[in-house]
């Protein structure tokens, strides 16, 4: 189903956090892509602050989202810990 997070994405994030000490996940998305932004939010991502976004050289049409280890992935039923 379009617009729904794939359970594998959350499992992959959980695996990387637990086995490889990944502490932060970054996602870059086109500003107009509201469906992808909604999926990222359901996966526990929030929009990056201006300071962090500037460090990653985004284009004027992009937004950056971050998920820190420990953010709960609410709709999918798993948590990163």
Protein backbone atom coordinates (compact mmCIF):
# COMPACT_ATOMS: atom_id res chain seq x y z
CA UNK A 1 0.00 0.00 0.00
CA UNK A 2 1.44 3.38 -0.97
CA UNK A 3 2.13 5.81 1.84
CA UNK A 4 2.51 3.11 4.48
CA UNK A 5 5.94 2.39 5.96
CA UNK A 6 7.32 -0.96 5.00
CA UNK A 7 7.87 -3.02 8.18
CA UNK A 8 11.28 -3.96 6.77
CA UNK A 9 12.42 -0.32 6.99
CA UNK A 10 11.80 -0.26 10.74
CA UNK A 11 13.40 -3.67 11.19
CA UNK A 12 16.44 -2.51 9.25
CA UNK A 13 16.76 0.59 11.43
CA UNK A 14 16.40 -1.51 14.57
CA UNK A 15 19.02 -3.99 13.33
CA UNK A 16 21.52 -1.27 12.45
CA UNK A 17 21.02 0.39 15.83
CA UNK A 18 21.38 -2.85 17.77
CA UNK A 19 24.20 -4.52 15.87
CA UNK A 20 26.24 -1.70 14.35
CA UNK A 21 25.78 1.12 16.88
CA UNK A 22 24.09 3.40 14.35
CA UNK A 23 22.83 6.30 16.42
CA UNK A 24 21.22 8.50 13.81
CA UNK A 25 19.38 8.01 10.53
CA UNK A 26 19.14 10.71 7.88
CA UNK A 27 16.66 11.00 5.01
CA UNK A 28 16.55 13.56 2.24
CA UNK A 29 13.27 14.11 0.43
CA UNK A 30 11.82 16.54 -2.08
CA UNK A 31 9.76 19.26 -0.37
CA UNK A 32 6.66 18.51 -2.44
CA UNK A 33 6.69 14.77 -1.72
CA UNK A 34 4.16 14.77 1.12
CA UNK A 35 3.53 11.01 0.95
CA UNK A 36 7.20 10.21 1.56
CA UNK A 37 7.36 12.80 4.33
CA UNK A 38 4.35 11.14 5.99
CA UNK A 39 6.08 7.75 5.79
CA UNK A 40 9.24 9.19 7.36
CA UNK A 41 7.21 10.72 10.19
CA UNK A 42 5.54 7.35 10.87
CA UNK A 43 9.00 5.80 11.03
CA UNK A 44 9.95 8.26 13.78
CA UNK A 45 11.77 10.88 11.70
CA UNK A 46 11.50 14.59 12.44
CA UNK A 47 12.61 17.48 10.28
CA UNK A 48 16.23 18.45 10.81
CA UNK A 49 17.04 21.86 12.17
CA UNK A 50 18.48 24.57 9.95
CA UNK A 51 22.03 24.09 11.29
CA UNK A 52 22.07 20.39 10.49
CA UNK A 53 20.39 20.84 7.13
CA UNK A 54 23.02 23.39 6.12
CA UNK A 55 25.78 20.85 6.88
CA UNK A 56 24.41 18.48 4.24
CA UNK A 57 24.15 20.87 1.28
CA UNK A 58 20.47 20.42 0.50
CA UNK A 59 19.07 21.88 -2.69
CA UNK A 60 16.27 24.44 -2.46
CA UNK A 61 13.75 21.69 -3.27
CA UNK A 62 14.86 19.28 -0.54
CA UNK A 63 14.09 18.75 3.15
CA UNK A 64 16.12 16.64 5.54
CA UNK A 65 14.69 14.43 8.26
CA UNK A 66 16.45 12.66 11.13
CA UNK A 67 15.63 9.80 13.46
CA UNK A 68 17.73 9.28 16.57
CA UNK A 69 18.12 5.87 18.17
CA UNK A 70 15.52 5.69 20.90
CA UNK A 71 12.72 7.42 18.95
CA UNK A 72 9.66 5.22 18.93
CA UNK A 73 8.26 4.19 15.59
CA UNK A 74 4.64 4.68 16.52
CA UNK A 75 2.44 3.28 13.73
CA UNK A 76 4.58 0.30 12.88
CA UNK A 77 4.73 -1.13 16.39
CA UNK A 78 8.48 -1.28 16.95
CA UNK A 79 10.89 0.96 18.79
CA UNK A 80 14.53 1.73 18.30
CA UNK A 81 16.45 1.15 21.52
